[in-house]
Amino acid sequence: MERRTIGAGALEVGALGLGCMPMSWAYSGSRQRGDESLRAVHRALDSGSSLLDTADMYGPFTNELLVGRALKERRGDAFLSTKVGLLVGDQHIVANGRPGYVKRACDASLRRLQTDVIDLYQLHRADPEVPVEETWGAMAELVRAGKVRALGLCAVGARGGRRSGGLYDGTIRQLRRVQQVFPVSAVEAELSVWSPEALGTLLPWCEARGVGFLAAMPLGNGFLTGTLTPGQGFEPDDMRARHPRFTAEMMAANQPIVAGLRRIAARHGEAVTAAQVALAWVLAQGRHVIPVPGAKRERWVAENAAAAGLRLTPQDLTEVAELPGARGSWE
């Protein structure tokens, strides 16, 4: 697989990563199988998808434990990314950016992941009660202590910003502040055919500064694979059960997007899928972009990895640009 670099430190990773969250959190709990997920991680590493993305809040904690099991004998094959800053309660999620907590959380993640260093440590959310510079300073101390190699920040879209065009204005302000404390190596934010907003300001900001961009949800939470049926329903613990684009009405209304991806896929061969076209589109947005599709089965991991070899033509990219925008029931 093609290699790409993250940040000024030129950290090398496979062009396409693996989001580990679905293996133990946020999607259909009844379909989560530990052994199957372990095989999926190994398949990703075998294919060159070296970047594994997890977080202490996924589970909570169980996702890091699973990744740690997978990497026990393959740590050298992986680029390990995890996150800090969010605490999960029974009915709520709260931010904690206190320096002491950040340092304790890092040590706990290292234990769960069965490693002595985290390649990319990301701030999941800034704590509104703690200056972000203080949180980032604590994370920088972890780099100096040799527990972390590089730092990243997860972008947060502002409420109402989708319409105003300023979805990531707040994130860019945060990035400017923390950049004064310690270099930002990567930013993680949603980017897909049906959520292209990061192309406006956030992606150019990263490119201009040599900051890597980890494209979260590049398959639109599974919708862009074309494997979901309008009205199929989701389990109560599945985040799509509350997503404005996954009502039966909106899934039906957004089918033209999937149909367009399938038309492009057909031109590239019978074996090419809509999902691979969607991932190839993300890859085409810049050499600093690394899609991180979530998956928990070997089959999907292998299909996603193959997208790294798919090259879209100018005609393909034009057709994607002309697809209708995604609709949601809250808009």
C-alpha atoms as a PDB file:
ATOM      1  CA  MET A   1       0.000   0.000   0.000  1.00  0.00           C
ATOM      2  CA  GLU A   2       1.086   3.567  -0.717  1.00  0.00           C
ATOM      3  CA  ARG A   3       2.646   5.307   2.286  1.00  0.00           C
ATOM      4  CA  ARG A   4       1.757   8.788   3.492  1.00  0.00           C
ATOM      5  CA  THR A   5       3.304  11.040   6.128  1.00  0.00           C
ATOM      6  CA  ILE A   6       1.798  12.713   9.189  1.00  0.00           C
ATOM      7  CA  GLY A   7       3.081  16.029  10.487  1.00  0.00           C
ATOM      8  CA  ALA A   8       6.441  17.756  10.392  1.00  0.00           C
ATOM      9  CA  GLY A   9       8.052  14.686  11.937  1.00  0.00           C
ATOM     10  CA  ALA A  10       7.235  12.762   8.741  1.00  0.00           C
ATOM     11  CA  LEU A  11       5.662   9.817  10.555  1.00  0.00           C
ATOM     12  CA  GLU A  12       4.881   7.191   7.914  1.00  0.00           C
ATOM     13  CA  VAL A  13       1.610   5.300   7.712  1.00  0.00           C
ATOM     14  CA  GLY A  14      -0.327   3.331   5.131  1.00  0.00           C
ATOM     15  CA  ALA A  15      -2.493   5.592   2.977  1.00  0.00           C
ATOM     16  CA  LEU A  16      -5.626   4.081   4.496  1.00  0.00           C
ATOM     17  CA  GLY A  17      -6.093   3.365   8.199  1.00  0.00           C
ATOM     18  CA  LEU A  18      -8.521   1.359  10.331  1.00  0.00           C
ATOM     19  CA  GLY A  19     -11.041   2.859  12.727  1.00  0.00           C
ATOM     20  CA  CYS A  20     -11.429   0.380  15.585  1.00  0.00           C
ATOM     21  CA  MET A  21     -14.408   1.990  17.351  1.00  0.00           C
ATOM     22  CA  PRO A  22     -17.122  -0.233  15.759  1.00  0.00           C
ATOM     23  CA  MET A  23     -15.454  -3.298  17.209  1.00  0.00           C
ATOM     24  CA  SER A  24     -16.722  -2.485  20.695  1.00  0.00           C
ATOM     25  CA  TRP A  25     -18.746   0.734  20.743  1.00  0.00           C
ATOM     26  CA  ALA A  26     -21.396   2.879  18.995  1.00  0.00           C
ATOM     27  CA  TYR A  27     -22.553   0.306  16.418  1.00  0.00           C
ATOM     28  CA  SER A  28     -24.868  -2.731  16.875  1.00  0.00           C
ATOM     29  CA  GLY A  29     -23.602  -4.322  20.068  1.00  0.00           C
ATOM     30  CA  SER A  30     -25.114  -7.713  19.206  1.00  0.00           C
ATOM     31  CA  ARG A  31     -22.819  -7.978  16.179  1.00  0.00           C
ATOM     32  CA  GLN A  32     -19.583  -7.330  18.020  1.00  0.00           C
ATOM     33  CA  ARG A  33     -17.295 -10.358  18.187  1.00  0.00           C
ATOM     34  CA  GLY A  34     -13.879 -10.076  19.815  1.00  0.00           C
ATOM     35  CA  ASP A  35     -12.173 -12.855  17.866  1.00  0.00           C
ATOM     36  CA  GLU A  36     -13.574 -11.580  14.579  1.00  0.00           C
ATOM     37  CA  SER A  37     -12.332  -8.093  15.380  1.00  0.00           C
ATOM     38  CA  LEU A  38      -8.868  -9.421  16.174  1.00  0.00           C
ATOM     39  CA  ARG A  39      -8.766 -11.064  12.749  1.00  0.00           C
ATOM     40  CA  ALA A  40      -9.863  -7.780  11.180  1.00  0.00           C
ATOM     41  CA  VAL A  41      -6.963  -5.930  12.813  1.00  0.00           C
ATOM     42  CA  HIS A  42      -4.488  -8.526  11.578  1.00  0.00           C
ATOM     43  CA  ARG A  43      -5.931  -8.328   8.061  1.00  0.00           C
ATOM     44  CA  ALA A  44      -5.530  -4.541   8.126  1.00  0.00           C
ATOM     45  CA  LEU A  45      -1.890  -4.808   9.154  1.00  0.00           C
ATOM     46  CA  ASP A  46      -1.231  -7.495   6.542  1.00  0.00           C
ATOM     47  CA  SER A  47      -2.659  -5.215   3.844  1.00  0.00           C
ATOM     48  CA  GLY A  48      -0.537  -2.227   4.865  1.00  0.00           C
ATOM     49  CA  SER A  49      -3.242  -0.308   6.745  1.00  0.00           C
ATOM     50  CA  SER A  50      -0.884   0.437   9.610  1.00  0.00           C
ATOM     51  CA  LEU A  51      -2.738   3.293  11.335  1.00  0.00           C
ATOM     52  CA  LEU A  52      -5.072   1.912  14.001  1.00  0.00           C
ATOM     53  CA  ASP A  53      -7.363   4.519  15.542  1.00  0.00           C
ATOM     54  CA  THR A  54      -8.947   3.968  18.960  1.00  0.00           C
ATOM     55  CA  ALA A  55      -9.778   5.961  22.126  1.00  0.00           C
ATOM     56  CA  ASP A  56     -10.038   5.339  25.847  1.00  0.00           C
ATOM     57  CA  MET A  57     -13.737   6.296  25.792  1.00  0.00           C
ATOM     58  CA  TYR A  58     -14.679   3.589  23.277  1.00  0.00           C
ATOM     59  CA  GLY A  59     -16.316   0.928  25.394  1.00  0.00           C
ATOM     60  CA  PRO A  60     -15.218   2.674  27.574  1.00  0.00           C
ATOM     61  CA  PHE A  61     -11.751   1.122  27.725  1.00  0.00           C
ATOM     62  CA  THR A  62     -12.655  -2.172  26.021  1.00  0.00           C
ATOM     63  CA  ASN A  63     -11.577  -0.975  22.576  1.00  0.00           C
ATOM     64  CA  GLU A  64      -8.056  -0.219  23.756  1.00  0.00           C
ATOM     65  CA  LEU A  65      -7.925  -3.617  25.478  1.00  0.00           C
ATOM     66  CA  LEU A  66      -8.923  -5.335  22.232  1.00  0.00           C
ATOM     67  CA  VAL A  67      -6.348  -3.407  20.173  1.00  0.00           C
ATOM     68  CA  GLY A  68      -3.726  -4.221  22.794  1.00  0.00           C
ATOM     69  CA  ARG A  69      -4.470  -7.937  22.413  1.00  0.00           C
ATOM     70  CA  ALA A  70      -4.130  -7.666  18.644  1.00  0.00           C
ATOM     71  CA  LEU A  71      -0.802  -5.842  18.862  1.00  0.00           C
ATOM     72  CA  LYS A  72       0.796  -7.987  21.527  1.00  0.00           C
ATOM     73  CA  GLU A  73       3.061  -9.617  18.944  1.00  0.00           C
ATOM     74  CA  ARG A  74       2.731  -7.073  16.100  1.00  0.00           C
ATOM     75  CA  ARG A  75       3.434  -3.701  17.684  1.00  0.00           C
ATOM     76  CA  GLY A  76       6.115  -2.953  15.114  1.00  0.00           C
ATOM     77  CA  ASP A  77       3.625  -3.274  12.252  1.00  0.00           C
ATOM     78  CA  ALA A  78       1.232  -0.668  13.599  1.00  0.00           C
ATOM     79  CA  PHE A  79       0.997   3.092  13.941  1.00  0.00           C
ATOM     80  CA  LEU A  80      -1.071   3.441  17.084  1.00  0.00           C
ATOM     81  CA  SER A  81      -3.425   6.383  17.584  1.00  0.00           C
ATOM     82  CA  THR A  82      -5.581   6.815  20.679  1.00  0.00           C
ATOM     83  CA  LYS A  83      -7.416   9.707  22.302  1.00  0.00           C
ATOM     84  CA  VAL A  84      -7.923  11.376  25.662  1.00  0.00           C
ATOM     85  CA  GLY A  85     -10.237  13.998  27.101  1.00  0.00           C
ATOM     86  CA  LEU A  86     -13.692  12.433  27.345  1.00  0.00           C
ATOM     87  CA  LEU A  87     -15.248  10.493  30.218  1.00  0.00           C
ATOM     88  CA  VAL A  88     -18.268   8.253  29.659  1.00  0.00           C
ATOM     89  CA  GLY A  89     -21.011   7.998  32.281  1.00  0.00           C
ATOM     90  CA  ASP A  90     -24.259   6.039  32.299  1.00  0.00           C
ATOM     91  CA  GLN A  91     -26.198   8.676  30.377  1.00  0.00           C
ATOM     92  CA  HIS A  92     -23.652  11.348  29.541  1.00  0.00           C
ATOM     93  CA  ILE A  93     -20.198  12.174  28.219  1.00  0.00           C
ATOM     94  CA  VAL A  94     -18.104  14.925  29.808  1.00  0.00           C
ATOM     95  CA  ALA A  95     -14.771  16.496  28.917  1.00  0.00           C
ATOM     96  CA  ASN A  96     -11.784  16.402  31.263  1.00  0.00           C
ATOM     97  CA  GLY A  97      -8.692  18.302  30.209  1.00  0.00           C
ATOM     98  CA  ARG A  98      -7.019  18.701  33.591  1.00  0.00           C
ATOM     99  CA  PRO A  99      -3.267  18.101  33.218  1.00  0.00           C
ATOM    100  CA  GLY A 100      -3.119  15.561  36.042  1.00  0.00           C
ATOM    101  CA  TYR A 101      -5.945  13.561  34.541  1.00  0.00           C
ATOM    102  CA  VAL A 102      -4.363  13.596  31.077  1.00  0.00           C
ATOM    103  CA  LYS A 103      -1.141  12.117  32.415  1.00  0.00           C
ATOM    104  CA  ARG A 104      -2.942   9.406  34.406  1.00  0.00           C
ATOM    105  CA  ALA A 105      -5.133   8.580  31.414  1.00  0.00           C
ATOM    106  CA  CYS A 106      -2.078   8.173  29.184  1.00  0.00           C
ATOM    107  CA  ASP A 107      -0.501   5.700  31.611  1.00  0.00           C
ATOM    108  CA  ALA A 108      -3.760   3.744  31.724  1.00  0.00           C
ATOM    109  CA  SER A 109      -3.973   3.657  27.929  1.00  0.00           C
ATOM    110  CA  LEU A 110      -0.405   2.406  27.681  1.00  0.00           C
ATOM    111  CA  ARG A 111      -1.279  -0.462  30.027  1.00  0.00           C
ATOM    112  CA  ARG A 112      -4.420  -1.415  28.123  1.00  0.00           C
ATOM    113  CA  LEU A 113      -2.652  -1.193  24.767  1.00  0.00           C
ATOM    114  CA  GLN A 114       0.289  -3.258  26.090  1.00  0.00           C
ATOM    115  CA  THR A 115       2.855  -0.843  24.714  1.00  0.00           C
ATOM    116  CA  ASP A 116       5.415   1.619  26.025  1.00  0.00           C
ATOM    117  CA  VAL A 117       4.670   4.378  23.510  1.00  0.00           C
ATOM    118  CA  ILE A 118       1.658   5.817  21.690  1.00  0.00           C
ATOM    119  CA  ASP A 119       2.457   7.012  18.176  1.00  0.00           C
ATOM    120  CA  LEU A 120      -0.276   9.671  18.024  1.00  0.00           C
ATOM    121  CA  TYR A 121      -2.064  10.943  21.132  1.00  0.00           C
ATOM    122  CA  GLN A 122      -5.128  12.987  20.260  1.00  0.00           C
ATOM    123  CA  LEU A 123      -7.193  15.407  22.312  1.00  0.00           C
ATOM    124  CA  HIS A 124     -10.719  14.102  21.819  1.00  0.00           C
ATOM    125  CA  ARG A 125     -12.434  17.266  23.083  1.00  0.00           C
ATOM    126  CA  ALA A 126     -11.201  20.402  24.800  1.00  0.00           C
ATOM    127  CA  ASP A 127     -12.489  20.915  28.331  1.00  0.00           C
ATOM    128  CA  PRO A 128     -14.416  24.222  28.476  1.00  0.00           C
ATOM    129  CA  GLU A 129     -13.294  24.648  32.103  1.00  0.00           C
ATOM    130  CA  VAL A 130      -9.570  24.236  31.377  1.00  0.00           C
ATOM    131  CA  PRO A 131      -7.540  26.465  29.029  1.00  0.00           C
ATOM    132  CA  VAL A 132      -6.685  24.258  26.069  1.00  0.00           C
ATOM    133  CA  GLU A 133      -3.057  25.389  26.333  1.00  0.00           C
ATOM    134  CA  GLU A 134      -2.829  23.715  29.758  1.00  0.00           C
ATOM    135  CA  THR A 135      -4.209  20.434  28.458  1.00  0.00           C
ATOM    136  CA  TRP A 136      -1.931  20.544  25.425  1.00  0.00           C
ATOM    137  CA  GLY A 137       1.045  21.379  27.628  1.00  0.00           C
ATOM    138  CA  ALA A 138       0.437  18.227  29.660  1.00  0.00           C
ATOM    139  CA  MET A 139       0.256  16.210  26.440  1.00  0.00           C
ATOM    140  CA  ALA A 140       3.527  17.796  25.289  1.00  0.00           C
ATOM    141  CA  GLU A 141       5.158  16.658  28.530  1.00  0.00           C
ATOM    142  CA  LEU A 142       4.166  13.108  27.616  1.00  0.00           C
ATOM    143  CA  VAL A 143       6.099  13.488  24.360  1.00  0.00           C
ATOM    144  CA  ARG A 144       9.147  14.728  26.215  1.00  0.00           C
ATOM    145  CA  ALA A 145       8.813  11.786  28.616  1.00  0.00           C
ATOM    146  CA  GLY A 146       8.917   9.350  25.676  1.00  0.00           C
ATOM    147  CA  LYS A 147       5.411   8.021  26.247  1.00  0.00           C
ATOM    148  CA  VAL A 148       3.975   9.654  23.123  1.00  0.00           C
ATOM    149  CA  ARG A 149       5.547  10.373  19.727  1.00  0.00           C
ATOM    150  CA  ALA A 150       3.212  13.046  18.312  1.00  0.00           C
ATOM    151  CA  LEU A 151       0.058  14.991  19.177  1.00  0.00           C
ATOM    152  CA  GLY A 152      -3.220  15.446  17.354  1.00  0.00           C
ATOM    153  CA  LEU A 153      -6.570  17.142  17.851  1.00  0.00           C
ATOM    154  CA  CYS A 154     -10.077  15.984  16.980  1.00  0.00           C
ATOM    155  CA  ALA A 155     -12.131  18.655  15.249  1.00  0.00           C
ATOM    156  CA  VAL A 156     -15.570  19.642  16.487  1.00  0.00           C
ATOM    157  CA  GLY A 157     -18.156  21.136  14.147  1.00  0.00           C
ATOM    158  CA  ALA A 158     -20.044  24.116  15.586  1.00  0.00           C
ATOM    159  CA  ARG A 159     -23.825  23.883  15.912  1.00  0.00           C
ATOM    160  CA  GLY A 160     -25.328  25.761  12.985  1.00  0.00           C
ATOM    161  CA  GLY A 161     -21.964  26.088  11.278  1.00  0.00           C
ATOM    162  CA  ARG A 162     -22.959  23.768   8.443  1.00  0.00           C
ATOM    163  CA  ARG A 163     -25.259  26.419   7.032  1.00  0.00           C
ATOM    164  CA  SER A 164     -23.026  29.417   7.724  1.00  0.00           C
ATOM    165  CA  GLY A 165     -19.910  27.837   6.225  1.00  0.00           C
ATOM    166  CA  GLY A 166     -18.030  28.221   9.509  1.00  0.00           C
ATOM    167  CA  LEU A 167     -18.350  24.654  10.735  1.00  0.00           C
ATOM    168  CA  TYR A 168     -14.731  24.389  11.857  1.00  0.00           C
ATOM    169  CA  ASP A 169     -13.961  27.988  12.818  1.00  0.00           C
ATOM    170  CA  GLY A 170     -13.783  27.062  16.506  1.00  0.00           C
ATOM    171  CA  THR A 171     -11.447  24.154  15.807  1.00  0.00           C
ATOM    172  CA  ILE A 172      -9.094  26.348  13.801  1.00  0.00           C
ATOM    173  CA  ARG A 173      -8.970  28.846  16.661  1.00  0.00           C
ATOM    174  CA  GLN A 174      -8.060  25.987  19.014  1.00  0.00           C
ATOM    175  CA  LEU A 175      -5.404  24.764  16.611  1.00  0.00           C
ATOM    176  CA  ARG A 176      -3.805  28.203  16.456  1.00  0.00           C
ATOM    177  CA  ARG A 177      -3.656  28.317  20.246  1.00  0.00           C
ATOM    178  CA  VAL A 178      -2.157  24.870  20.818  1.00  0.00           C
ATOM    179  CA  GLN A 179       0.285  25.286  17.950  1.00  0.00           C
ATOM    180  CA  GLN A 180       1.963  27.978  20.048  1.00  0.00           C
ATOM    181  CA  VAL A 181       2.606  25.404  22.781  1.00  0.00           C
ATOM    182  CA  PHE A 182       3.654  22.298  20.835  1.00  0.00           C
ATOM    183  CA  PRO A 183       3.379  21.265  17.159  1.00  0.00           C
ATOM    184  CA  VAL A 184       0.153  19.687  15.940  1.00  0.00           C
ATOM    185  CA  SER A 185       0.945  16.601  13.859  1.00  0.00           C
ATOM    186  CA  ALA A 186      -2.594  15.597  12.884  1.00  0.00           C
ATOM    187  CA  VAL A 187      -6.220  16.691  12.903  1.00  0.00           C
ATOM    188  CA  GLU A 188      -9.058  14.177  12.833  1.00  0.00           C
ATOM    189  CA  ALA A 189     -12.408  15.268  11.405  1.00  0.00           C
ATOM    190  CA  GLU A 190     -15.302  13.892   9.423  1.00  0.00           C
ATOM    191  CA  LEU A 191     -14.763  13.912   5.656  1.00  0.00           C
ATOM    192  CA  SER A 192     -16.742  11.983   3.089  1.00  0.00           C
ATOM    193  CA  VAL A 193     -18.698  12.358  -0.124  1.00  0.00           C
ATOM    194  CA  TRP A 194     -21.794  13.234   1.889  1.00  0.00           C
ATOM    195  CA  SER A 195     -19.968  15.358   4.506  1.00  0.00           C
ATOM    196  CA  PRO A 196     -17.386  17.391   2.557  1.00  0.00           C
ATOM    197  CA  GLU A 197     -17.422  20.503   4.788  1.00  0.00           C
ATOM    198  CA  ALA A 198     -13.799  20.087   5.918  1.00  0.00           C
ATOM    199  CA  LEU A 199     -12.699  20.935   2.371  1.00  0.00           C
ATOM    200  CA  GLY A 200     -13.690  24.553   2.965  1.00  0.00           C
ATOM    201  CA  THR A 201     -11.219  25.735   5.616  1.00  0.00           C
ATOM    202  CA  LEU A 202      -9.967  22.901   7.815  1.00  0.00           C
ATOM    203  CA  LEU A 203      -8.272  20.758   5.165  1.00  0.00           C
ATOM    204  CA  PRO A 204      -6.471  23.753   3.572  1.00  0.00           C
ATOM    205  CA  TRP A 205      -5.322  24.870   7.045  1.00  0.00           C
ATOM    206  CA  CYS A 206      -3.742  21.472   7.616  1.00  0.00           C
ATOM    207  CA  GLU A 207      -2.161  21.269   4.165  1.00  0.00           C
ATOM    208  CA  ALA A 208      -0.564  24.701   4.467  1.00  0.00           C
ATOM    209  CA  ARG A 209       1.135  23.698   7.728  1.00  0.00           C
ATOM    210  CA  GLY A 210       2.162  20.131   6.937  1.00  0.00           C
ATOM    211  CA  VAL A 211      -0.411  18.744   9.366  1.00  0.00           C
ATOM    212  CA  GLY A 212      -1.824  15.296   8.621  1.00  0.00           C
ATOM    213  CA  PHE A 213      -5.584  14.952   8.199  1.00  0.00           C
ATOM    214  CA  LEU A 214      -7.270  11.789   9.476  1.00  0.00           C
ATOM    215  CA  ALA A 215     -10.603  11.527   7.661  1.00  0.00           C
ATOM    216  CA  ALA A 216     -13.132  10.079  10.087  1.00  0.00           C
ATOM    217  CA  MET A 217     -16.337   8.423   8.874  1.00  0.00           C
ATOM    218  CA  PRO A 218     -15.213   8.401   5.216  1.00  0.00           C
ATOM    219  CA  LEU A 219     -17.995   5.929   4.425  1.00  0.00           C
ATOM    220  CA  GLY A 220     -20.728   8.047   5.974  1.00  0.00           C
ATOM    221  CA  ASN A 221     -21.311   5.704   8.942  1.00  0.00           C
ATOM    222  CA  GLY A 222     -21.795   2.869   6.447  1.00  0.00           C
ATOM    223  CA  PHE A 223     -24.347   4.584   4.219  1.00  0.00           C
ATOM    224  CA  LEU A 224     -21.931   5.102   1.310  1.00  0.00           C
ATOM    225  CA  THR A 225     -21.240   1.359   1.124  1.00  0.00           C
ATOM    226  CA  GLY A 226     -24.700   0.840  -0.359  1.00  0.00           C
ATOM    227  CA  THR A 227     -25.283  -2.120   1.960  1.00  0.00           C
ATOM    228  CA  LEU A 228     -27.926  -0.435   4.153  1.00  0.00           C
ATOM    229  CA  THR A 229     -31.623  -0.562   3.344  1.00  0.00           C
ATOM    230  CA  PRO A 230     -33.961   2.383   4.044  1.00  0.00           C
ATOM    231  CA  GLY A 231     -36.230   1.501   6.944  1.00  0.00           C
ATOM    232  CA  GLN A 232     -34.137  -1.452   8.110  1.00  0.00           C
ATOM    233  CA  GLY A 233     -33.914  -0.020  11.609  1.00  0.00           C
ATOM    234  CA  PHE A 234     -30.981   0.030  14.018  1.00  0.00           C
ATOM    235  CA  GLU A 235     -30.404  -1.399  17.464  1.00  0.00           C
ATOM    236  CA  PRO A 236     -30.970   1.070  20.346  1.00  0.00           C
ATOM    237  CA  ASP A 237     -27.256   1.254  21.140  1.00  0.00           C
ATOM    238  CA  ASP A 238     -26.383   2.018  17.501  1.00  0.00           C
ATOM    239  CA  MET A 239     -25.608   5.722  17.089  1.00  0.00           C
ATOM    240  CA  ARG A 240     -27.356   5.710  13.708  1.00  0.00           C
ATOM    241  CA  ALA A 241     -30.689   5.126  15.477  1.00  0.00           C
ATOM    242  CA  ARG A 242     -30.509   8.813  16.478  1.00  0.00           C
ATOM    243  CA  HIS A 243     -28.746  10.201  13.390  1.00  0.00           C
ATOM    244  CA  PRO A 244     -30.791  12.664  11.268  1.00  0.00           C
ATOM    245  CA  ARG A 245     -29.620  11.061   8.020  1.00  0.00           C
ATOM    246  CA  PHE A 246     -30.631   7.536   9.011  1.00  0.00           C
ATOM    247  CA  THR A 247     -34.377   7.856   9.302  1.00  0.00           C
ATOM    248  CA  ALA A 248     -36.155   5.714   6.717  1.00  0.00           C
ATOM    249  CA  GLU A 249     -37.253   8.847   4.850  1.00  0.00           C
ATOM    250  CA  MET A 250     -33.780  10.372   4.673  1.00  0.00           C
ATOM    251  CA  MET A 251     -32.055   7.109   3.759  1.00  0.00           C
ATOM    252  CA  ALA A 252     -34.433   6.842   0.815  1.00  0.00           C
ATOM    253  CA  ALA A 253     -33.923  10.489  -0.128  1.00  0.00           C
ATOM    254  CA  ASN A 254     -30.120  10.083  -0.137  1.00  0.00           C
ATOM    255  CA  GLN A 255     -30.044   6.990  -2.365  1.00  0.00           C
ATOM    256  CA  PRO A 256     -28.995   9.060  -5.445  1.00  0.00           C
ATOM    257  CA  ILE A 257     -25.626   9.575  -3.761  1.00  0.00           C
ATOM    258  CA  VAL A 258     -25.017   5.828  -3.550  1.00  0.00           C
ATOM    259  CA  ALA A 259     -26.328   5.346  -7.098  1.00  0.00           C
ATOM    260  CA  GLY A 260     -23.780   7.874  -8.354  1.00  0.00           C
ATOM    261  CA  LEU A 261     -20.933   6.086  -6.605  1.00  0.00           C
ATOM    262  CA  ARG A 262     -22.072   2.784  -8.104  1.00  0.00           C
ATOM    263  CA  ARG A 263     -22.065   4.265 -11.624  1.00  0.00           C
ATOM    264  CA  ILE A 264     -18.483   5.367 -11.177  1.00  0.00           C
ATOM    265  CA  ALA A 265     -17.502   2.003  -9.681  1.00  0.00           C
ATOM    266  CA  ALA A 266     -18.969   0.162 -12.680  1.00  0.00           C
ATOM    267  CA  ARG A 267     -16.607   2.016 -15.017  1.00  0.00           C
ATOM    268  CA  HIS A 268     -13.621   0.684 -13.072  1.00  0.00           C
ATOM    269  CA  GLY A 269     -14.642  -2.977 -13.131  1.00  0.00           C
ATOM    270  CA  GLU A 270     -17.177  -5.442 -11.807  1.00  0.00           C
ATOM    271  CA  ALA A 271     -15.276  -5.987  -8.572  1.00  0.00           C
ATOM    272  CA  VAL A 272     -15.110  -2.278  -7.659  1.00  0.00           C
ATOM    273  CA  THR A 273     -17.656  -1.130  -5.068  1.00  0.00           C
ATOM    274  CA  ALA A 274     -19.358   2.122  -4.131  1.00  0.00           C
ATOM    275  CA  ALA A 275     -17.439   2.049  -0.839  1.00  0.00           C
ATOM    276  CA  GLN A 276     -14.107   1.895  -2.661  1.00  0.00           C
ATOM    277  CA  VAL A 277     -15.053   4.868  -4.823  1.00  0.00           C
ATOM    278  CA  ALA A 278     -16.030   6.816  -1.701  1.00  0.00           C
ATOM    279  CA  LEU A 279     -12.659   6.050  -0.098  1.00  0.00           C
ATOM    280  CA  ALA A 280     -10.729   6.814  -3.291  1.00  0.00           C
ATOM    281  CA  TRP A 281     -12.444  10.215  -3.388  1.00  0.00           C
ATOM    282  CA  VAL A 282     -11.189  10.985   0.127  1.00  0.00           C
ATOM    283  CA  LEU A 283      -7.683   9.834  -0.791  1.00  0.00           C
ATOM    284  CA  ALA A 284      -7.763  12.172  -3.811  1.00  0.00           C
ATOM    285  CA  GLN A 285      -8.240  15.231  -1.581  1.00  0.00           C
ATOM    286  CA  GLY A 286      -4.539  15.503  -0.766  1.00  0.00           C
ATOM    287  CA  ARG A 287      -1.379  13.599   0.025  1.00  0.00           C
ATOM    288  CA  HIS A 288      -1.751  14.557   3.686  1.00  0.00           C
ATOM    289  CA  VAL A 289      -5.177  12.875   3.938  1.00  0.00           C
ATOM    290  CA  ILE A 290      -5.538   9.411   5.499  1.00  0.00           C
ATOM    291  CA  PRO A 291      -9.072   7.946   5.500  1.00  0.00           C
ATOM    292  CA  VAL A 292      -9.838   5.961   8.647  1.00  0.00           C
ATOM    293  CA  PRO A 293     -12.911   3.827   7.867  1.00  0.00           C
ATOM    294  CA  GLY A 294     -14.346   1.903  10.778  1.00  0.00           C
ATOM    295  CA  ALA A 295     -14.734  -1.861  10.340  1.00  0.00           C
ATOM    296  CA  LYS A 296     -14.958  -4.971  12.474  1.00  0.00           C
ATOM    297  CA  ARG A 297     -14.932  -7.757   9.866  1.00  0.00           C
ATOM    298  CA  GLU A 298     -12.091  -9.068   7.727  1.00  0.00           C
ATOM    299  CA  ARG A 299     -14.223  -8.827   4.586  1.00  0.00           C
ATOM    300  CA  TRP A 300     -14.787  -5.100   4.914  1.00  0.00           C
ATOM    301  CA  VAL A 301     -11.213  -4.421   5.968  1.00  0.00           C
ATOM    302  CA  ALA A 302      -9.916  -6.144   2.833  1.00  0.00           C
ATOM    303  CA  GLU A 303     -12.389  -4.316   0.595  1.00  0.00           C
ATOM    304  CA  ASN A 304     -11.481  -0.966   2.122  1.00  0.00           C
ATOM    305  CA  ALA A 305      -7.749  -1.576   1.820  1.00  0.00           C
ATOM    306  CA  ALA A 306      -8.130  -2.316  -1.891  1.00  0.00           C
ATOM    307  CA  ALA A 307      -9.463   1.221  -2.373  1.00  0.00           C
ATOM    308  CA  ALA A 308      -5.929   2.528  -1.864  1.00  0.00           C
ATOM    309  CA  GLY A 309      -5.116   1.249  -5.352  1.00  0.00           C
ATOM    310  CA  LEU A 310      -8.126   2.842  -7.058  1.00  0.00           C
ATOM    311  CA  ARG A 311      -7.380   6.029  -9.013  1.00  0.00           C
ATOM    312  CA  LEU A 312     -10.358   8.186  -9.903  1.00  0.00           C
ATOM    313  CA  THR A 313     -10.324  10.077 -13.208  1.00  0.00           C
ATOM    314  CA  PRO A 314     -11.093  13.801 -13.591  1.00  0.00           C
ATOM    315  CA  GLN A 315     -14.489  12.733 -14.929  1.00  0.00           C
ATOM    316  CA  ASP A 316     -15.097  10.623 -11.815  1.00  0.00           C
ATOM    317  CA  LEU A 317     -14.214  13.518  -9.519  1.00  0.00           C
ATOM    318  CA  THR A 318     -16.483  15.864 -11.455  1.00  0.00           C
ATOM    319  CA  GLU A 319     -19.371  13.428 -11.145  1.00  0.00           C
ATOM    320  CA  VAL A 320     -18.848  13.147  -7.391  1.00  0.00           C
ATOM    321  CA  ALA A 321     -18.828  16.935  -7.098  1.00  0.00           C
ATOM    322  CA  GLU A 322     -22.152  17.067  -8.939  1.00  0.00           C
ATOM    323  CA  LEU A 323     -23.903  14.547  -6.691  1.00  0.00           C
ATOM    324  CA  PRO A 324     -26.761  16.005  -4.611  1.00  0.00           C
ATOM    325  CA  GLY A 325     -25.936  17.084  -1.079  1.00  0.00           C
ATOM    326  CA  ALA A 326     -26.956  14.789   1.756  1.00  0.00           C
ATOM    327  CA  ARG A 327     -30.226  15.501   3.494  1.00  0.00           C
ATOM    328  CA  GLY A 328     -31.107  14.999   7.165  1.00  0.00           C
ATOM    329  CA  SER A 329     -34.384  15.016   9.038  1.00  0.00           C
ATOM    330  CA  TRP A 330     -33.257  17.845  11.342  1.00  0.00           C
ATOM    331  CA  GLU A 331     -32.375  20.242   8.538  1.00  0.00           C
END
